[in-house]
C-alpha atoms as a PDB file:
ATOM      1  CA  MET A   1       0.000   0.000   0.000  1.00  0.00           C
ATOM      2  CA  THR A   2       1.349   3.421  -0.942  1.00  0.00           C
ATOM      3  CA  ARG A   3       1.842   5.704   2.019  1.00  0.00           C
ATOM      4  CA  ASP A   4       0.265   9.163   1.728  1.00  0.00           C
ATOM      5  CA  LYS A   5       2.731  11.997   1.550  1.00  0.00           C
ATOM      6  CA  PHE A   6       3.218  14.323   4.497  1.00  0.00           C
ATOM      7  CA  LYS A   7       1.324  17.493   3.599  1.00  0.00           C
ATOM      8  CA  VAL A   8       2.772  20.879   4.521  1.00  0.00           C
ATOM      9  CA  ILE A   9       1.532  24.402   3.924  1.00  0.00           C
ATOM     10  CA  VAL A  10       3.559  27.608   3.977  1.00  0.00           C
ATOM     11  CA  LEU A  11       2.276  30.921   5.340  1.00  0.00           C
ATOM     12  CA  THR A  12       4.324  33.893   4.184  1.00  0.00           C
ATOM     13  CA  HIS A  13       4.391  37.570   3.290  1.00  0.00           C
ATOM     14  CA  GLY A  14       7.327  37.309   0.951  1.00  0.00           C
ATOM     15  CA  ASN A  15       8.950  34.953  -1.500  1.00  0.00           C
ATOM     16  CA  PRO A  16      10.218  31.733   0.117  1.00  0.00           C
ATOM     17  CA  ARG A  17      11.541  30.219  -3.107  1.00  0.00           C
ATOM     18  CA  LEU A  18      14.646  28.771  -1.438  1.00  0.00           C
ATOM     19  CA  LEU A  19      12.446  27.002   1.106  1.00  0.00           C
ATOM     20  CA  LEU A  20      10.001  25.714  -1.504  1.00  0.00           C
ATOM     21  CA  ASP A  21      12.837  24.445  -3.695  1.00  0.00           C
ATOM     22  CA  GLY A  22      14.148  22.474  -0.729  1.00  0.00           C
ATOM     23  CA  LEU A  23      10.744  21.075   0.244  1.00  0.00           C
ATOM     24  CA  LEU A  24      10.006  19.962  -3.314  1.00  0.00           C
ATOM     25  CA  LYS A  25      13.158  17.817  -3.254  1.00  0.00           C
ATOM     26  CA  ILE A  26      11.948  15.785  -0.253  1.00  0.00           C
ATOM     27  CA  GLU A  27      10.204  12.768  -1.740  1.00  0.00           C
ATOM     28  CA  GLU A  28       7.928  12.076   1.215  1.00  0.00           C
ATOM     29  CA  ILE A  29       6.716  15.694   1.418  1.00  0.00           C
ATOM     30  CA  GLU A  30       3.857  17.336  -0.468  1.00  0.00           C
ATOM     31  CA  VAL A  31       3.644  21.121  -0.553  1.00  0.00           C
ATOM     32  CA  ALA A  32      -0.134  21.307  -0.344  1.00  0.00           C
ATOM     33  CA  GLY A  33      -0.366  25.074  -0.585  1.00  0.00           C
ATOM     34  CA  VAL A  34       1.211  28.463  -0.041  1.00  0.00           C
ATOM     35  CA  PHE A  35      -0.874  31.157   1.629  1.00  0.00           C
ATOM     36  CA  VAL A  36       0.180  34.776   1.180  1.00  0.00           C
ATOM     37  CA  GLU A  37      -1.249  37.471   3.430  1.00  0.00           C
ATOM     38  CA  THR A  38      -1.572  40.718   1.499  1.00  0.00           C
ATOM     39  CA  ARG A  39      -2.193  43.033   4.481  1.00  0.00           C
ATOM     40  CA  THR A  40       1.312  43.080   5.907  1.00  0.00           C
ATOM     41  CA  GLN A  41       0.900  46.129   8.150  1.00  0.00           C
ATOM     42  CA  PRO A  42      -1.901  46.984  10.578  1.00  0.00           C
ATOM     43  CA  GLU A  43      -4.087  49.944   9.715  1.00  0.00           C
ATOM     44  CA  ARG A  44      -3.507  52.839  12.120  1.00  0.00           C
ATOM     45  CA  PRO A  45      -4.994  56.345  12.446  1.00  0.00           C
ATOM     46  CA  PHE A  46      -2.786  59.186  11.247  1.00  0.00           C
ATOM     47  CA  VAL A  47      -2.076  60.477  14.774  1.00  0.00           C
ATOM     48  CA  GLU A  48      -0.930  57.018  15.901  1.00  0.00           C
ATOM     49  CA  LYS A  49       1.319  56.718  12.847  1.00  0.00           C
ATOM     50  CA  LEU A  50       2.822  60.085  13.675  1.00  0.00           C
ATOM     51  CA  LYS A  51       3.483  59.171  17.306  1.00  0.00           C
ATOM     52  CA  ARG A  52       5.052  55.836  16.338  1.00  0.00           C
ATOM     53  CA  SER A  53       7.275  57.495  13.759  1.00  0.00           C
ATOM     54  CA  VAL A  54       8.570  59.995  16.320  1.00  0.00           C
ATOM     55  CA  LYS A  55       9.092  57.217  18.878  1.00  0.00           C
ATOM     56  CA  TYR A  56      11.064  54.940  16.575  1.00  0.00           C
ATOM     57  CA  ASP A  57      12.686  57.350  14.109  1.00  0.00           C
ATOM     58  CA  GLY A  58      12.777  60.752  15.762  1.00  0.00           C
ATOM     59  CA  TYR A  59      11.427  64.157  14.743  1.00  0.00           C
ATOM     60  CA  GLY A  60      13.791  64.774  11.832  1.00  0.00           C
ATOM     61  CA  ALA A  61      13.113  61.491  10.051  1.00  0.00           C
ATOM     62  CA  THR A  62       9.389  61.845  10.733  1.00  0.00           C
ATOM     63  CA  PHE A  63       9.307  65.295   9.150  1.00  0.00           C
ATOM     64  CA  LYS A  64      11.144  64.029   6.055  1.00  0.00           C
ATOM     65  CA  LYS A  65       8.849  61.008   5.792  1.00  0.00           C
ATOM     66  CA  PHE A  66       5.594  62.927   5.911  1.00  0.00           C
ATOM     67  CA  ALA A  67       6.960  65.758   3.771  1.00  0.00           C
ATOM     68  CA  ALA A  68       7.861  63.183   1.121  1.00  0.00           C
ATOM     69  CA  LYS A  69       4.300  61.893   1.179  1.00  0.00           C
ATOM     70  CA  ILE A  70       2.919  65.386   0.734  1.00  0.00           C
ATOM     71  CA  VAL A  71       5.057  66.078  -2.356  1.00  0.00           C
ATOM     72  CA  GLY A  72       4.525  62.572  -3.700  1.00  0.00           C
ATOM     73  CA  SER A  73       8.073  61.250  -3.244  1.00  0.00           C
ATOM     74  CA  GLU A  74       8.840  57.644  -2.355  1.00  0.00           C
ATOM     75  CA  THR A  75       9.393  56.951   1.362  1.00  0.00           C
ATOM     76  CA  GLU A  76      11.309  54.101   2.998  1.00  0.00           C
ATOM     77  CA  GLY A  77       8.020  52.602   4.132  1.00  0.00           C
ATOM     78  CA  GLY A  78       6.649  52.841   0.609  1.00  0.00           C
ATOM     79  CA  GLU A  79       9.777  51.236  -0.792  1.00  0.00           C
ATOM     80  CA  ALA A  80       9.410  48.385   1.696  1.00  0.00           C
ATOM     81  CA  LEU A  81       5.798  47.812   0.660  1.00  0.00           C
ATOM     82  CA  ASN A  82       6.826  47.863  -2.998  1.00  0.00           C
ATOM     83  CA  ALA A  83       9.496  45.256  -2.247  1.00  0.00           C
ATOM     84  CA  VAL A  84       6.877  43.043  -0.574  1.00  0.00           C
ATOM     85  CA  ALA A  85       4.617  43.369  -3.625  1.00  0.00           C
ATOM     86  CA  GLU A  86       7.489  42.498  -5.970  1.00  0.00           C
ATOM     87  CA  ASN A  87       8.356  39.439  -3.881  1.00  0.00           C
ATOM     88  CA  GLN A  88       4.751  38.300  -3.904  1.00  0.00           C
ATOM     89  CA  ASN A  89       4.548  38.667  -7.681  1.00  0.00           C
ATOM     90  CA  ALA A  90       7.768  36.684  -8.071  1.00  0.00           C
ATOM     91  CA  LEU A  91       6.357  33.985  -5.792  1.00  0.00           C
ATOM     92  CA  LYS A  92       3.201  33.770  -7.902  1.00  0.00           C
ATOM     93  CA  SER A  93       5.249  33.147 -11.042  1.00  0.00           C
ATOM     94  CA  PHE A  94       7.397  30.580  -9.227  1.00  0.00           C
ATOM     95  CA  ALA A  95       4.347  28.725  -7.884  1.00  0.00           C
ATOM     96  CA  GLU A  96       2.766  28.546 -11.328  1.00  0.00           C
ATOM     97  CA  LYS A  97       5.990  27.153 -12.781  1.00  0.00           C
ATOM     98  CA  LYS A  98       6.313  24.516 -10.058  1.00  0.00           C
ATOM     99  CA  GLY A  99       2.623  23.578  -9.977  1.00  0.00           C
ATOM    100  CA  ILE A 100       2.154  24.757  -6.371  1.00  0.00           C
ATOM    101  CA  THR A 101      -1.250  25.957  -5.248  1.00  0.00           C
ATOM    102  CA  LEU A 102      -1.001  29.557  -4.127  1.00  0.00           C
ATOM    103  CA  GLU A 103      -3.754  31.437  -2.334  1.00  0.00           C
ATOM    104  CA  THR A 104      -3.786  35.112  -1.353  1.00  0.00           C
ATOM    105  CA  VAL A 105      -5.788  36.273   1.646  1.00  0.00           C
ATOM    106  CA  GLU A 106      -6.124  39.717   3.176  1.00  0.00           C
ATOM    107  CA  SER A 107      -5.738  38.378   6.714  1.00  0.00           C
ATOM    108  CA  TYR A 108      -4.931  34.890   7.980  1.00  0.00           C
ATOM    109  CA  HIS A 109      -7.357  35.466  10.832  1.00  0.00           C
ATOM    110  CA  SER A 110     -10.469  36.092   8.750  1.00  0.00           C
ATOM    111  CA  ASP A 111     -13.087  33.341   8.778  1.00  0.00           C
ATOM    112  CA  ASP A 112     -12.711  32.794   5.026  1.00  0.00           C
ATOM    113  CA  ALA A 113      -8.943  32.423   5.276  1.00  0.00           C
ATOM    114  CA  LYS A 114      -9.135  29.971   8.170  1.00  0.00           C
ATOM    115  CA  GLU A 115     -11.669  27.874   6.297  1.00  0.00           C
ATOM    116  CA  LEU A 116      -9.448  27.891   3.204  1.00  0.00           C
ATOM    117  CA  ILE A 117      -6.432  26.760   5.234  1.00  0.00           C
ATOM    118  CA  ARG A 118      -8.515  24.134   6.996  1.00  0.00           C
ATOM    119  CA  SER A 119      -9.751  22.720   3.675  1.00  0.00           C
ATOM    120  CA  VAL A 120      -6.225  21.623   2.711  1.00  0.00           C
ATOM    121  CA  GLY A 121      -6.006  19.062   5.502  1.00  0.00           C
ATOM    122  CA  ALA A 122      -2.321  19.781   6.117  1.00  0.00           C
ATOM    123  CA  ASP A 123      -0.180  17.804   8.535  1.00  0.00           C
ATOM    124  CA  LEU A 124       2.104  20.742   9.317  1.00  0.00           C
ATOM    125  CA  GLY A 125       2.196  24.488   8.822  1.00  0.00           C
ATOM    126  CA  ILE A 126       5.375  26.486   8.194  1.00  0.00           C
ATOM    127  CA  LEU A 127       5.492  30.183   9.072  1.00  0.00           C
ATOM    128  CA  TYR A 128       8.074  31.963   6.963  1.00  0.00           C
ATOM    129  CA  GLY A 129       8.222  35.728   7.343  1.00  0.00           C
ATOM    130  CA  THR A 130       4.807  36.623   8.750  1.00  0.00           C
ATOM    131  CA  ASN A 131       3.418  38.857  11.440  1.00  0.00           C
ATOM    132  CA  ILE A 132       2.318  37.282  14.714  1.00  0.00           C
ATOM    133  CA  ILE A 133      -0.083  34.392  14.042  1.00  0.00           C
ATOM    134  CA  LYS A 134      -2.743  33.492  16.593  1.00  0.00           C
ATOM    135  CA  LYS A 135      -3.459  29.980  17.841  1.00  0.00           C
ATOM    136  CA  ASP A 136      -6.718  29.658  15.906  1.00  0.00           C
ATOM    137  CA  VAL A 137      -4.587  29.760  12.740  1.00  0.00           C
ATOM    138  CA  PHE A 138      -1.271  28.076  13.595  1.00  0.00           C
ATOM    139  CA  SER A 139      -3.055  25.125  15.213  1.00  0.00           C
ATOM    140  CA  ILE A 140      -5.151  24.294  12.131  1.00  0.00           C
ATOM    141  CA  PRO A 141      -2.690  21.734  10.668  1.00  0.00           C
ATOM    142  CA  ARG A 142      -2.822  18.312  12.342  1.00  0.00           C
ATOM    143  CA  LEU A 143       0.557  18.732  14.085  1.00  0.00           C
ATOM    144  CA  GLY A 144       0.426  22.495  14.434  1.00  0.00           C
ATOM    145  CA  SER A 145       3.011  24.775  12.859  1.00  0.00           C
ATOM    146  CA  ILE A 146       6.722  25.527  13.003  1.00  0.00           C
ATOM    147  CA  ASN A 147       8.557  28.823  12.644  1.00  0.00           C
ATOM    148  CA  VAL A 148      12.101  29.875  11.829  1.00  0.00           C
ATOM    149  CA  HIS A 149      13.395  32.628  14.092  1.00  0.00           C
ATOM    150  CA  GLN A 150      16.563  34.626  13.578  1.00  0.00           C
ATOM    151  CA  GLY A 151      17.698  34.518  17.172  1.00  0.00           C
ATOM    152  CA  LEU A 152      19.011  32.012  19.688  1.00  0.00           C
ATOM    153  CA  ALA A 153      15.841  31.257  21.650  1.00  0.00           C
ATOM    154  CA  PRO A 154      15.164  31.548  24.515  1.00  0.00           C
ATOM    155  CA  LEU A 155      18.018  34.061  24.961  1.00  0.00           C
ATOM    156  CA  TYR A 156      16.871  36.221  22.067  1.00  0.00           C
ATOM    157  CA  ARG A 157      13.145  36.106  21.381  1.00  0.00           C
ATOM    158  CA  GLY A 158      11.278  38.641  19.281  1.00  0.00           C
ATOM    159  CA  GLY A 159      13.430  41.025  17.329  1.00  0.00           C
ATOM    160  CA  PRO A 160      14.688  42.609  15.255  1.00  0.00           C
ATOM    161  CA  SER A 161      17.387  40.021  14.739  1.00  0.00           C
ATOM    162  CA  VAL A 162      21.053  41.039  14.586  1.00  0.00           C
ATOM    163  CA  PHE A 163      20.345  44.531  16.024  1.00  0.00           C
ATOM    164  CA  TRP A 164      20.152  43.401  19.636  1.00  0.00           C
ATOM    165  CA  GLU A 165      22.969  40.868  19.330  1.00  0.00           C
ATOM    166  CA  LEU A 166      25.174  43.602  17.876  1.00  0.00           C
ATOM    167  CA  PHE A 167      23.982  46.076  20.516  1.00  0.00           C
ATOM    168  CA  ASN A 168      24.842  43.623  23.314  1.00  0.00           C
ATOM    169  CA  GLY A 169      28.254  42.757  21.918  1.00  0.00           C
ATOM    170  CA  GLU A 170      27.477  39.132  21.072  1.00  0.00           C
ATOM    171  CA  LYS A 171      29.906  37.174  18.916  1.00  0.00           C
ATOM    172  CA  GLU A 172      27.203  35.030  17.291  1.00  0.00           C
ATOM    173  CA  VAL A 173      23.663  35.203  15.963  1.00  0.00           C
ATOM    174  CA  GLY A 174      21.482  32.146  16.309  1.00  0.00           C
ATOM    175  CA  VAL A 175      18.776  30.667  14.102  1.00  0.00           C
ATOM    176  CA  THR A 176      16.065  28.619  15.777  1.00  0.00           C
ATOM    177  CA  VAL A 177      13.413  26.380  14.238  1.00  0.00           C
ATOM    178  CA  HIS A 178      10.674  25.776  16.780  1.00  0.00           C
ATOM    179  CA  PHE A 179       7.053  24.774  17.123  1.00  0.00           C
ATOM    180  CA  VAL A 180       4.738  27.760  17.291  1.00  0.00           C
ATOM    181  CA  ALA A 181       3.191  28.589  20.664  1.00  0.00           C
ATOM    182  CA  PRO A 182       0.866  31.417  21.735  1.00  0.00           C
ATOM    183  CA  LYS A 183       3.731  33.539  23.109  1.00  0.00           C
ATOM    184  CA  VAL A 184       6.298  34.809  20.605  1.00  0.00           C
ATOM    185  CA  ASP A 185       9.217  32.421  19.909  1.00  0.00           C
ATOM    186  CA  THR A 186       8.547  30.253  22.978  1.00  0.00           C
ATOM    187  CA  GLY A 187       7.621  26.876  21.446  1.00  0.00           C
ATOM    188  CA  ASP A 188       9.676  23.689  21.695  1.00  0.00           C
ATOM    189  CA  VAL A 189      12.954  23.911  19.784  1.00  0.00           C
ATOM    190  CA  ILE A 190      13.648  21.460  16.952  1.00  0.00           C
ATOM    191  CA  LEU A 191      16.950  22.739  15.539  1.00  0.00           C
ATOM    192  CA  GLN A 192      19.380  25.556  16.362  1.00  0.00           C
ATOM    193  CA  LYS A 193      22.566  26.844  14.797  1.00  0.00           C
ATOM    194  CA  SER A 194      24.808  29.836  15.477  1.00  0.00           C
ATOM    195  CA  PHE A 195      26.676  32.002  12.989  1.00  0.00           C
ATOM    196  CA  PRO A 196      29.665  34.311  13.693  1.00  0.00           C
ATOM    197  CA  LEU A 197      28.808  37.977  14.142  1.00  0.00           C
ATOM    198  CA  GLU A 198      31.695  40.286  13.263  1.00  0.00           C
ATOM    199  CA  TYR A 199      31.075  43.880  12.243  1.00  0.00           C
ATOM    200  CA  ASP A 200      33.127  45.053   9.247  1.00  0.00           C
ATOM    201  CA  PHE A 201      33.931  48.723   9.840  1.00  0.00           C
ATOM    202  CA  ASP A 202      35.959  48.953   6.624  1.00  0.00           C
ATOM    203  CA  LYS A 203      32.908  48.035   4.563  1.00  0.00           C
ATOM    204  CA  TYR A 204      30.027  49.474   6.579  1.00  0.00           C
ATOM    205  CA  ASP A 205      31.535  52.199   8.801  1.00  0.00           C
ATOM    206  CA  LEU A 206      28.520  53.183  10.985  1.00  0.00           C
ATOM    207  CA  ASP A 207      25.839  52.054   8.521  1.00  0.00           C
ATOM    208  CA  TYR A 208      24.677  49.213  10.754  1.00  0.00           C
ATOM    209  CA  GLU A 209      21.320  48.937   8.968  1.00  0.00           C
ATOM    210  CA  ARG A 210      23.044  47.947   5.730  1.00  0.00           C
ATOM    211  CA  PHE A 211      25.216  45.511   7.672  1.00  0.00           C
ATOM    212  CA  MET A 212      22.119  43.910   9.230  1.00  0.00           C
ATOM    213  CA  GLU A 213      20.383  43.663   5.855  1.00  0.00           C
ATOM    214  CA  ASP A 214      23.368  41.855   4.319  1.00  0.00           C
ATOM    215  CA  PHE A 215      23.797  39.600   7.358  1.00  0.00           C
ATOM    216  CA  ARG A 216      20.145  38.538   7.280  1.00  0.00           C
ATOM    217  CA  GLU A 217      20.334  37.895   3.548  1.00  0.00           C
ATOM    218  CA  ASN A 218      23.288  35.566   4.110  1.00  0.00           C
ATOM    219  CA  LEU A 219      21.167  33.554   6.557  1.00  0.00           C
ATOM    220  CA  GLN A 220      18.481  32.736   3.985  1.00  0.00           C
ATOM    221  CA  VAL A 221      20.113  29.544   2.659  1.00  0.00           C
ATOM    222  CA  PRO A 222      20.906  27.959   6.055  1.00  0.00           C
ATOM    223  CA  MET A 223      17.451  28.947   7.322  1.00  0.00           C
ATOM    224  CA  ALA A 224      15.756  27.165   4.425  1.00  0.00           C
ATOM    225  CA  GLU A 225      17.957  24.109   4.960  1.00  0.00           C
ATOM    226  CA  MET A 226      17.126  24.003   8.670  1.00  0.00           C
ATOM    227  CA  ILE A 227      13.392  24.168   8.011  1.00  0.00           C
ATOM    228  CA  CYS A 228      13.589  21.379   5.438  1.00  0.00           C
ATOM    229  CA  GLU A 229      15.548  19.197   7.850  1.00  0.00           C
ATOM    230  CA  SER A 230      13.010  19.926  10.600  1.00  0.00           C
ATOM    231  CA  VAL A 231      10.119  18.967   8.316  1.00  0.00           C
ATOM    232  CA  ARG A 232      11.908  15.761   7.350  1.00  0.00           C
ATOM    233  CA  LEU A 233      12.349  14.864  11.022  1.00  0.00           C
ATOM    234  CA  ILE A 234       8.737  15.665  11.889  1.00  0.00           C
ATOM    235  CA  ALA A 235       7.411  13.667   8.941  1.00  0.00           C
ATOM    236  CA  ALA A 236       9.401  10.665  10.193  1.00  0.00           C
ATOM    237  CA  GLY A 237       8.274  11.220  13.782  1.00  0.00           C
ATOM    238  CA  ASN A 238      11.887  11.681  14.908  1.00  0.00           C
ATOM    239  CA  GLU A 239      12.002  15.380  15.723  1.00  0.00           C
ATOM    240  CA  PRO A 240      13.530  16.548  19.005  1.00  0.00           C
ATOM    241  CA  ARG A 241      11.305  18.786  21.114  1.00  0.00           C
ATOM    242  CA  ILE A 242      13.454  20.807  23.485  1.00  0.00           C
ATOM    243  CA  LYS A 243      11.412  22.814  25.950  1.00  0.00           C
ATOM    244  CA  GLN A 244      12.629  26.392  26.361  1.00  0.00           C
ATOM    245  CA  ASP A 245      13.596  27.761  29.759  1.00  0.00           C
ATOM    246  CA  LEU A 246      11.837  31.120  29.557  1.00  0.00           C
ATOM    247  CA  SER A 247      13.627  32.362  32.678  1.00  0.00           C
ATOM    248  CA  LEU A 248      16.640  32.795  30.382  1.00  0.00           C
ATOM    249  CA  GLY A 249      16.939  35.729  28.023  1.00  0.00           C
ATOM    250  CA  LYS A 250      14.024  37.982  27.121  1.00  0.00           C
ATOM    251  CA  ARG A 251      11.679  39.047  24.361  1.00  0.00           C
ATOM    252  CA  TYR A 252      13.162  41.952  22.449  1.00  0.00           C
ATOM    253  CA  ARG A 253      11.168  44.556  20.553  1.00  0.00           C
ATOM    254  CA  LEU A 254      11.752  47.203  17.895  1.00  0.00           C
ATOM    255  CA  PRO A 255      14.424  49.668  19.033  1.00  0.00           C
ATOM    256  CA  VAL A 256      13.224  53.201  19.687  1.00  0.00           C
ATOM    257  CA  LYS A 257      15.123  56.280  18.518  1.00  0.00           C
ATOM    258  CA  ALA A 258      17.146  56.518  21.746  1.00  0.00           C
ATOM    259  CA  GLU A 259      18.294  52.898  21.371  1.00  0.00           C
ATOM    260  CA  LYS A 260      19.276  53.465  17.740  1.00  0.00           C
ATOM    261  CA  ASP A 261      21.320  56.492  18.827  1.00  0.00           C
ATOM    262  CA  ALA A 262      22.919  54.353  21.532  1.00  0.00           C
ATOM    263  CA  MET A 263      23.865  51.796  18.862  1.00  0.00           C
ATOM    264  CA  LEU A 264      25.801  54.488  16.980  1.00  0.00           C
ATOM    265  CA  ARG A 265      27.653  55.468  20.155  1.00  0.00           C
ATOM    266  CA  ILE A 266      28.515  51.815  20.808  1.00  0.00           C
ATOM    267  CA  LEU A 267      29.843  51.352  17.279  1.00  0.00           C
ATOM    268  CA  ARG A 268      31.911  54.546  17.448  1.00  0.00           C
ATOM    269  CA  LYS A 269      33.499  53.296  20.649  1.00  0.00           C
ATOM    270  CA  ARG A 270      34.250  49.881  19.149  1.00  0.00           C
ATOM    271  CA  ARG A 271      35.688  51.480  16.025  1.00  0.00           C
ATOM    272  CA  ARG A 272      38.268  53.321  18.133  1.00  0.00           C
ATOM    273  CA  ILE A 273      39.393  50.197  19.944  1.00  0.00           C
END
């Protein structure tokens, strides 16, 4: 009797082609669907947007941002949204070429989206570059869902990745594949790896944002490989499930303007050493 393939679904905002390429090479795995959420940012009133911009970017950057909108120029936020749209279009073309079912939904948490995900009958969900997903979504697949986190959980939960490790003077950045739990990055760990973190002042000077962007990009291949290996282990029923000690480390959040300024002071000091 032929054994049914292990059915996985992928929830994403971007373009996980490296991951999908890896999953398609695993004979016992079936990629039963990819679900793309089109609303990648929460809708906020103008006043709240203004307050958040001042909190995270400061008055100067906020003025430039909103002035650019008034005169019709492209802003960093607009460029980011355009990049998301381009990635989603590229993913659509890739899925058509590979014969993968792709569904777009406005929100994973709408009743229609949950019913659509439920209709697939997946064994496992994979979260790959999404916002926070609630239990009524990540628990739909038979075995729940897994997530890849750029951080060595439980020491570094939340994000943004690389910023806080660099801020704290760490020598490594971890990548963790774990089961999804209601609290951010707290589920049982399946696989972890660490990668050397060494800031290149000759190349980046104090442009730590460009450094972080390049560092994260270089993690894409090992991240995809770790997810594929985790799926292979789960499909075989051989996955480790290492419970996290949440008394260690903390959940990090987006750095505010004062913390970004502190990062520059830290880097200037290290550059002189």
